[in-house]
N, C-alpha and C. Protein backbone atom coordinates (compact mmCIF):
# COMPACT_ATOMS: atom_id res chain seq x y z
N UNK A 1 88.96 172.60 92.52
CA UNK A 1 89.71 173.25 93.59
C UNK A 1 89.05 174.56 93.98
N UNK A 2 89.14 174.89 95.24
CA UNK A 2 88.57 176.16 95.73
C UNK A 2 89.39 177.35 95.25
N UNK A 3 88.74 178.49 95.11
CA UNK A 3 89.41 179.73 94.76
C UNK A 3 89.95 180.34 96.05
N UNK A 4 91.26 180.40 96.21
CA UNK A 4 91.88 180.86 97.46
C UNK A 4 92.24 182.33 97.36
N UNK A 5 91.72 183.13 98.31
CA UNK A 5 92.04 184.55 98.34
C UNK A 5 92.66 185.00 99.66
N UNK A 6 92.73 184.11 100.64
CA UNK A 6 93.34 184.46 101.93
C UNK A 6 94.09 183.25 102.49
N UNK A 7 95.20 183.55 103.14
CA UNK A 7 95.93 182.58 103.94
C UNK A 7 95.92 183.16 105.35
N UNK A 8 95.38 182.40 106.30
CA UNK A 8 95.15 182.93 107.65
C UNK A 8 95.91 182.08 108.67
N UNK A 9 96.72 182.76 109.49
CA UNK A 9 97.54 182.08 110.49
C UNK A 9 96.86 182.06 111.85
N UNK A 10 97.07 180.94 112.54
CA UNK A 10 96.49 180.69 113.85
C UNK A 10 97.54 180.08 114.77
N UNK A 11 97.21 180.00 116.05
CA UNK A 11 97.99 179.20 116.99
C UNK A 11 97.03 178.20 117.64
N UNK A 12 97.60 177.15 118.21
CA UNK A 12 96.75 176.13 118.84
C UNK A 12 96.27 176.53 120.23
N UNK A 13 96.74 177.68 120.72
CA UNK A 13 96.37 178.16 122.07
C UNK A 13 96.74 177.13 123.13
N UNK A 14 97.96 176.62 123.00
CA UNK A 14 98.52 175.68 123.97
C UNK A 14 99.81 176.28 124.52
N UNK A 15 100.20 175.88 125.74
CA UNK A 15 101.40 176.45 126.36
C UNK A 15 102.68 176.13 125.59
N UNK A 16 103.60 177.05 125.70
CA UNK A 16 104.90 176.94 125.06
C UNK A 16 105.56 175.59 125.36
N UNK A 17 106.01 174.94 124.30
CA UNK A 17 106.72 173.68 124.46
C UNK A 17 105.85 172.44 124.53
N UNK A 18 104.55 172.60 124.70
CA UNK A 18 103.67 171.43 124.77
C UNK A 18 103.41 170.91 123.37
N UNK A 19 103.80 169.68 123.13
CA UNK A 19 103.60 169.07 121.83
C UNK A 19 102.14 168.64 121.70
N UNK A 20 101.50 169.02 120.63
CA UNK A 20 100.11 168.68 120.38
C UNK A 20 100.02 168.15 118.95
N UNK A 21 99.36 167.04 118.78
CA UNK A 21 99.27 166.42 117.46
C UNK A 21 98.06 166.92 116.68
N UNK A 22 98.11 166.69 115.38
CA UNK A 22 96.96 166.99 114.52
C UNK A 22 95.76 166.18 115.00
N UNK A 23 96.01 164.95 115.37
CA UNK A 23 94.93 164.08 115.86
C UNK A 23 94.24 164.70 117.08
N UNK A 24 95.01 165.25 118.00
CA UNK A 24 94.44 165.87 119.20
C UNK A 24 93.62 167.10 118.84
N UNK A 25 94.17 167.96 117.98
CA UNK A 25 93.43 169.16 117.57
C UNK A 25 92.15 168.75 116.85
N UNK A 26 92.23 167.72 116.01
CA UNK A 26 91.03 167.21 115.33
C UNK A 26 89.98 166.78 116.36
N UNK A 27 90.40 166.07 117.40
CA UNK A 27 89.47 165.64 118.45
C UNK A 27 88.83 166.84 119.14
N UNK A 28 89.63 167.86 119.45
CA UNK A 28 89.07 169.08 120.07
C UNK A 28 87.99 169.68 119.19
N UNK A 29 88.27 169.78 117.91
CA UNK A 29 87.32 170.41 116.99
C UNK A 29 86.08 169.55 116.79
N UNK A 30 86.23 168.26 116.74
CA UNK A 30 85.07 167.38 116.60
C UNK A 30 84.20 167.44 117.86
N UNK A 31 84.83 167.63 119.03
CA UNK A 31 84.05 167.79 120.27
C UNK A 31 83.22 169.06 120.23
N UNK A 32 83.63 170.03 119.43
CA UNK A 32 82.86 171.27 119.26
C UNK A 32 81.75 171.10 118.24
N UNK A 33 81.66 169.92 117.64
CA UNK A 33 80.61 169.65 116.68
C UNK A 33 81.01 169.84 115.24
N UNK A 34 82.30 170.10 115.00
CA UNK A 34 82.77 170.27 113.63
C UNK A 34 82.99 168.90 113.01
N UNK A 35 82.99 168.84 111.69
CA UNK A 35 83.14 167.56 110.99
C UNK A 35 84.59 167.08 110.97
N UNK A 36 85.54 167.97 111.21
CA UNK A 36 86.96 167.65 111.11
C UNK A 36 87.76 168.76 111.78
N UNK A 37 89.08 168.63 111.77
CA UNK A 37 89.94 169.73 112.21
C UNK A 37 89.63 170.95 111.34
N UNK A 38 89.67 172.12 111.92
CA UNK A 38 89.33 173.32 111.17
C UNK A 38 90.44 173.84 110.28
N UNK A 39 91.70 173.49 110.59
CA UNK A 39 92.86 174.00 109.86
C UNK A 39 93.26 173.06 108.74
N UNK A 40 93.84 173.63 107.71
CA UNK A 40 94.34 172.82 106.60
C UNK A 40 95.74 172.29 106.88
N UNK A 41 96.51 173.06 107.65
CA UNK A 41 97.89 172.66 107.97
C UNK A 41 98.19 173.01 109.42
N UNK A 42 99.06 172.20 110.03
CA UNK A 42 99.52 172.45 111.40
C UNK A 42 101.05 172.39 111.38
N UNK A 43 101.69 173.41 111.96
CA UNK A 43 103.14 173.47 112.04
C UNK A 43 103.55 172.99 113.43
N UNK A 44 104.21 171.84 113.45
CA UNK A 44 104.61 171.20 114.70
C UNK A 44 105.82 171.91 115.31
N UNK A 45 106.13 171.61 116.58
CA UNK A 45 107.24 172.26 117.27
C UNK A 45 108.57 172.08 116.54
N UNK A 46 108.76 170.94 115.90
CA UNK A 46 110.01 170.68 115.18
C UNK A 46 110.03 171.27 113.77
N UNK A 47 108.99 172.01 113.41
CA UNK A 47 108.91 172.65 112.10
C UNK A 47 108.23 171.81 111.03
N UNK A 48 107.93 170.56 111.34
CA UNK A 48 107.21 169.72 110.40
C UNK A 48 105.83 170.31 110.14
N UNK A 49 105.44 170.31 108.87
CA UNK A 49 104.11 170.81 108.51
C UNK A 49 103.26 169.60 108.17
N UNK A 50 102.19 169.41 108.95
CA UNK A 50 101.30 168.28 108.75
C UNK A 50 99.97 168.74 108.19
N UNK A 51 99.39 167.89 107.37
CA UNK A 51 98.08 168.21 106.80
C UNK A 51 96.99 167.99 107.83
N UNK A 52 96.01 168.86 107.79
CA UNK A 52 94.82 168.72 108.63
C UNK A 52 93.64 168.41 107.73
N UNK A 53 92.73 169.35 107.62
CA UNK A 53 91.58 169.19 106.72
C UNK A 53 92.08 169.25 105.28
N UNK A 54 91.55 168.42 104.42
CA UNK A 54 91.98 168.46 103.02
C UNK A 54 91.78 169.85 102.42
N UNK A 55 92.73 170.30 101.66
CA UNK A 55 92.70 171.63 101.08
C UNK A 55 91.50 171.85 100.17
N UNK A 56 90.99 170.78 99.58
CA UNK A 56 89.83 170.88 98.69
C UNK A 56 88.56 171.25 99.46
N UNK A 57 88.59 171.03 100.79
CA UNK A 57 87.42 171.33 101.61
C UNK A 57 87.58 172.68 102.30
N UNK A 58 86.49 173.39 102.40
CA UNK A 58 86.47 174.64 103.14
C UNK A 58 86.86 174.38 104.58
N UNK A 59 87.70 175.24 105.14
CA UNK A 59 88.11 175.11 106.53
C UNK A 59 87.04 175.59 107.49
N UNK A 60 87.38 175.52 108.78
CA UNK A 60 86.52 176.03 109.86
C UNK A 60 87.45 176.70 110.86
N UNK A 61 87.95 177.87 110.48
CA UNK A 61 88.95 178.52 111.32
C UNK A 61 88.73 180.01 111.55
N UNK A 62 87.94 180.67 110.69
CA UNK A 62 87.61 182.09 110.89
C UNK A 62 86.19 182.32 110.40
N UNK A 63 85.31 182.58 111.32
CA UNK A 63 83.91 182.82 110.95
C UNK A 63 83.81 183.90 109.88
N UNK A 64 83.11 183.56 108.80
CA UNK A 64 82.88 184.49 107.72
C UNK A 64 84.00 184.57 106.68
N UNK A 65 85.09 183.84 106.90
CA UNK A 65 86.23 183.93 105.98
C UNK A 65 86.79 182.55 105.62
N UNK A 66 86.01 181.52 105.78
CA UNK A 66 86.49 180.17 105.50
C UNK A 66 86.41 179.77 104.04
N UNK A 67 85.45 180.30 103.31
CA UNK A 67 85.18 179.83 101.95
C UNK A 67 86.41 179.87 101.05
N UNK A 68 87.11 180.97 101.02
CA UNK A 68 88.25 181.11 100.10
C UNK A 68 89.58 181.18 100.79
N UNK A 69 89.69 180.58 101.97
CA UNK A 69 90.94 180.71 102.72
C UNK A 69 91.58 179.37 103.03
N UNK A 70 92.86 179.46 103.36
CA UNK A 70 93.63 178.34 103.87
C UNK A 70 93.97 178.67 105.31
N UNK A 71 93.67 177.76 106.23
CA UNK A 71 93.98 177.95 107.64
C UNK A 71 95.23 177.19 108.03
N UNK A 72 96.19 177.92 108.61
CA UNK A 72 97.44 177.32 109.06
C UNK A 72 97.60 177.63 110.55
N UNK A 73 97.87 176.59 111.33
CA UNK A 73 98.00 176.72 112.78
C UNK A 73 99.39 176.27 113.20
N UNK A 74 100.06 177.08 114.03
CA UNK A 74 101.30 176.59 114.64
C UNK A 74 100.98 176.12 116.06
N UNK A 75 101.66 175.10 116.50
CA UNK A 75 101.47 174.57 117.85
C UNK A 75 102.11 175.53 118.84
N UNK A 76 101.31 176.02 119.78
CA UNK A 76 101.79 176.97 120.79
C UNK A 76 100.89 178.18 120.84
N UNK A 77 101.46 179.30 121.27
CA UNK A 77 100.73 180.56 121.30
C UNK A 77 100.41 181.08 122.68
N UNK A 78 100.72 180.30 123.74
CA UNK A 78 100.46 180.74 125.10
C UNK A 78 101.70 180.51 125.97
N UNK A 79 101.86 181.36 126.99
CA UNK A 79 102.92 181.12 127.96
C UNK A 79 102.41 180.16 129.05
N UNK A 80 103.20 179.92 130.07
CA UNK A 80 102.82 178.96 131.11
C UNK A 80 101.64 179.44 131.95
N UNK A 81 101.35 180.74 131.92
CA UNK A 81 100.19 181.29 132.62
C UNK A 81 98.96 181.39 131.72
N UNK A 82 99.06 180.77 130.53
CA UNK A 82 97.97 180.75 129.55
C UNK A 82 97.65 182.14 129.00
N UNK A 83 98.67 182.98 128.89
CA UNK A 83 98.53 184.30 128.28
C UNK A 83 99.19 184.26 126.90
N UNK A 84 98.66 185.05 125.99
CA UNK A 84 99.17 185.08 124.62
C UNK A 84 100.65 185.38 124.59
N UNK A 85 101.37 184.56 123.81
CA UNK A 85 102.80 184.75 123.63
C UNK A 85 103.20 184.08 122.31
N UNK A 86 104.05 184.76 121.57
CA UNK A 86 104.58 184.16 120.35
C UNK A 86 105.60 183.11 120.78
N UNK A 87 105.20 181.86 120.71
CA UNK A 87 106.04 180.77 121.20
C UNK A 87 106.67 179.97 120.06
N UNK A 88 106.62 180.47 118.84
CA UNK A 88 107.17 179.71 117.72
C UNK A 88 108.64 179.39 117.96
N UNK A 89 108.97 178.14 117.73
CA UNK A 89 110.37 177.72 117.82
C UNK A 89 111.09 178.21 116.56
N UNK A 90 112.43 178.15 116.61
CA UNK A 90 113.19 178.54 115.41
C UNK A 90 112.79 177.68 114.22
N UNK A 91 112.58 176.39 114.48
CA UNK A 91 112.18 175.47 113.40
C UNK A 91 110.80 175.85 112.85
N UNK A 92 109.87 176.22 113.72
CA UNK A 92 108.54 176.64 113.25
C UNK A 92 108.64 177.91 112.42
N UNK A 93 109.44 178.85 112.88
CA UNK A 93 109.61 180.11 112.14
C UNK A 93 110.16 179.85 110.74
N UNK A 94 111.19 179.03 110.66
CA UNK A 94 111.83 178.76 109.37
C UNK A 94 110.88 178.04 108.41
N UNK A 95 110.25 176.99 108.88
CA UNK A 95 109.38 176.24 107.97
C UNK A 95 108.13 177.04 107.62
N UNK A 96 107.60 177.80 108.55
CA UNK A 96 106.42 178.60 108.27
C UNK A 96 106.73 179.67 107.22
N UNK A 97 107.88 180.33 107.36
CA UNK A 97 108.26 181.35 106.37
C UNK A 97 108.35 180.76 104.97
N UNK A 98 109.05 179.64 104.86
CA UNK A 98 109.21 179.00 103.55
C UNK A 98 107.86 178.54 103.01
N UNK A 99 107.03 177.98 103.87
CA UNK A 99 105.72 177.48 103.43
C UNK A 99 104.83 178.63 102.98
N UNK A 100 104.86 179.74 103.70
CA UNK A 100 104.04 180.89 103.30
C UNK A 100 104.48 181.44 101.95
N UNK A 101 105.78 181.50 101.72
CA UNK A 101 106.26 181.96 100.42
C UNK A 101 105.78 181.02 99.31
N UNK A 102 105.86 179.73 99.56
CA UNK A 102 105.38 178.74 98.60
C UNK A 102 103.89 178.95 98.30
N UNK A 103 103.08 179.12 99.35
CA UNK A 103 101.64 179.29 99.16
C UNK A 103 101.31 180.59 98.43
N UNK A 104 102.07 181.64 98.68
CA UNK A 104 101.81 182.91 98.01
C UNK A 104 102.10 182.80 96.51
N UNK A 105 103.05 181.96 96.15
CA UNK A 105 103.33 181.73 94.73
C UNK A 105 102.23 180.85 94.13
N UNK A 106 101.83 179.82 94.86
CA UNK A 106 100.79 178.90 94.38
C UNK A 106 99.44 179.58 94.22
N UNK A 107 99.16 180.54 95.10
CA UNK A 107 97.86 181.23 95.11
C UNK A 107 98.10 182.74 94.97
N UNK A 108 98.38 183.21 93.78
CA UNK A 108 98.78 184.60 93.57
C UNK A 108 97.71 185.63 93.93
N UNK A 109 96.46 185.23 94.06
CA UNK A 109 95.41 186.18 94.47
C UNK A 109 95.28 186.27 95.99
N UNK A 110 96.01 185.44 96.71
CA UNK A 110 95.86 185.37 98.16
C UNK A 110 96.56 186.51 98.88
N UNK A 111 95.95 186.91 100.00
CA UNK A 111 96.56 187.87 100.92
C UNK A 111 96.81 187.13 102.23
N UNK A 112 97.77 187.63 103.01
CA UNK A 112 98.21 186.96 104.22
C UNK A 112 97.68 187.69 105.45
N UNK A 113 97.14 186.91 106.41
CA UNK A 113 96.48 187.50 107.58
C UNK A 113 96.71 186.67 108.84
N UNK A 114 96.47 187.30 109.97
CA UNK A 114 96.37 186.61 111.26
C UNK A 114 94.91 186.53 111.65
N UNK A 115 94.56 185.53 112.42
CA UNK A 115 93.18 185.37 112.91
C UNK A 115 92.72 186.64 113.62
N UNK A 116 93.65 187.29 114.34
CA UNK A 116 93.32 188.49 115.11
C UNK A 116 92.89 189.66 114.24
N UNK A 117 93.03 189.58 112.93
CA UNK A 117 92.54 190.63 112.05
C UNK A 117 91.04 190.51 111.80
N UNK A 118 90.47 189.35 112.11
CA UNK A 118 89.06 189.09 111.83
C UNK A 118 88.22 188.84 113.08
N UNK A 119 88.85 188.75 114.23
CA UNK A 119 88.12 188.46 115.47
C UNK A 119 88.86 189.10 116.64
N UNK A 120 88.14 189.37 117.70
CA UNK A 120 88.72 189.95 118.91
C UNK A 120 89.47 188.87 119.68
N UNK A 121 90.57 188.41 119.10
CA UNK A 121 91.40 187.35 119.68
C UNK A 121 92.86 187.74 119.55
N UNK A 122 93.71 187.14 120.38
CA UNK A 122 95.14 187.36 120.26
C UNK A 122 95.77 186.47 119.20
N UNK A 123 95.11 185.40 118.86
CA UNK A 123 95.60 184.39 117.92
C UNK A 123 96.02 185.05 116.61
N UNK A 124 97.21 184.83 116.15
CA UNK A 124 98.21 183.82 116.50
C UNK A 124 99.27 184.27 117.50
N UNK A 125 98.98 185.29 118.29
CA UNK A 125 99.88 185.80 119.33
C UNK A 125 101.05 186.61 118.77
N UNK A 126 100.89 187.12 117.58
CA UNK A 126 101.82 188.08 116.99
C UNK A 126 101.07 188.78 115.84
N UNK A 127 101.66 189.84 115.33
CA UNK A 127 101.04 190.61 114.26
C UNK A 127 101.61 190.13 112.92
N UNK A 128 100.80 189.43 112.17
CA UNK A 128 101.23 188.83 110.91
C UNK A 128 101.74 189.89 109.94
N UNK A 129 101.05 191.01 109.83
CA UNK A 129 101.43 192.06 108.88
C UNK A 129 102.83 192.60 109.17
N UNK A 130 103.25 192.60 110.44
CA UNK A 130 104.60 193.04 110.81
C UNK A 130 105.62 191.93 110.58
N UNK A 131 105.32 190.75 111.07
CA UNK A 131 106.24 189.62 111.01
C UNK A 131 106.56 189.21 109.57
N UNK A 132 105.56 189.23 108.72
CA UNK A 132 105.74 188.75 107.35
C UNK A 132 105.61 189.87 106.33
N UNK A 133 105.99 191.07 106.71
CA UNK A 133 105.92 192.22 105.80
C UNK A 133 106.70 191.94 104.52
N UNK A 134 107.86 191.31 104.65
CA UNK A 134 108.69 191.03 103.47
C UNK A 134 107.98 190.09 102.50
N UNK A 135 107.19 189.16 102.99
CA UNK A 135 106.42 188.26 102.11
C UNK A 135 105.26 189.03 101.48
N UNK A 136 104.58 189.78 102.30
CA UNK A 136 103.44 190.58 101.81
C UNK A 136 103.90 191.55 100.73
N UNK A 137 104.99 192.26 101.00
CA UNK A 137 105.51 193.24 100.03
C UNK A 137 105.96 192.57 98.73
N UNK A 138 106.49 191.37 98.84
CA UNK A 138 107.01 190.67 97.67
C UNK A 138 105.93 189.99 96.83
N UNK A 139 104.93 189.39 97.51
CA UNK A 139 104.00 188.53 96.81
C UNK A 139 102.58 189.04 96.64
N UNK A 140 102.12 189.91 97.52
CA UNK A 140 100.75 190.40 97.36
C UNK A 140 100.70 191.38 96.21
N UNK A 141 99.67 191.23 95.39
CA UNK A 141 99.53 192.10 94.21
C UNK A 141 98.41 193.09 94.41
C-alpha cells in the first residue's frame, strides 16, 4: 500500500446539477493521455461515493503531489455560466464530511487540502481549510 500523506479535494468542473459518471470522467482523462481516471473517489450528486482509480495506484490529480495523496472529486463546481461555484448538494456535503473523517482516521499522517492550494485554479470552488476546519483541528497531528 502507498504511504498516504495528503487527501486532496477536487471538483469535476461541470455545471451545477449536471450528473456526470465516473465512466465519463475516466473517458475525459484517457483522452488527455492518462492511463485511467485521475481521482481515487468521485462523490456523485446524490452523495454516493464511487471508486475511480484503485487506491493502490498513484493518482493523477495534482502535479507534484500525486505520489502520497488520495484524490477525491465531487461532481459539480461551476455555475451555469461556467464560473467557479461551490455546487455541492446537501447529500454531497454530508457524505463527503463523513468520508473525510473516515480517511483521516485511516491515514493518520494525512493532511487535508484543496487542489487550489497547489495550483492557480479555483478547484474545488471553495476553501477546504475553512470548510473542514473542524476535521483538520480534530484529526491532523
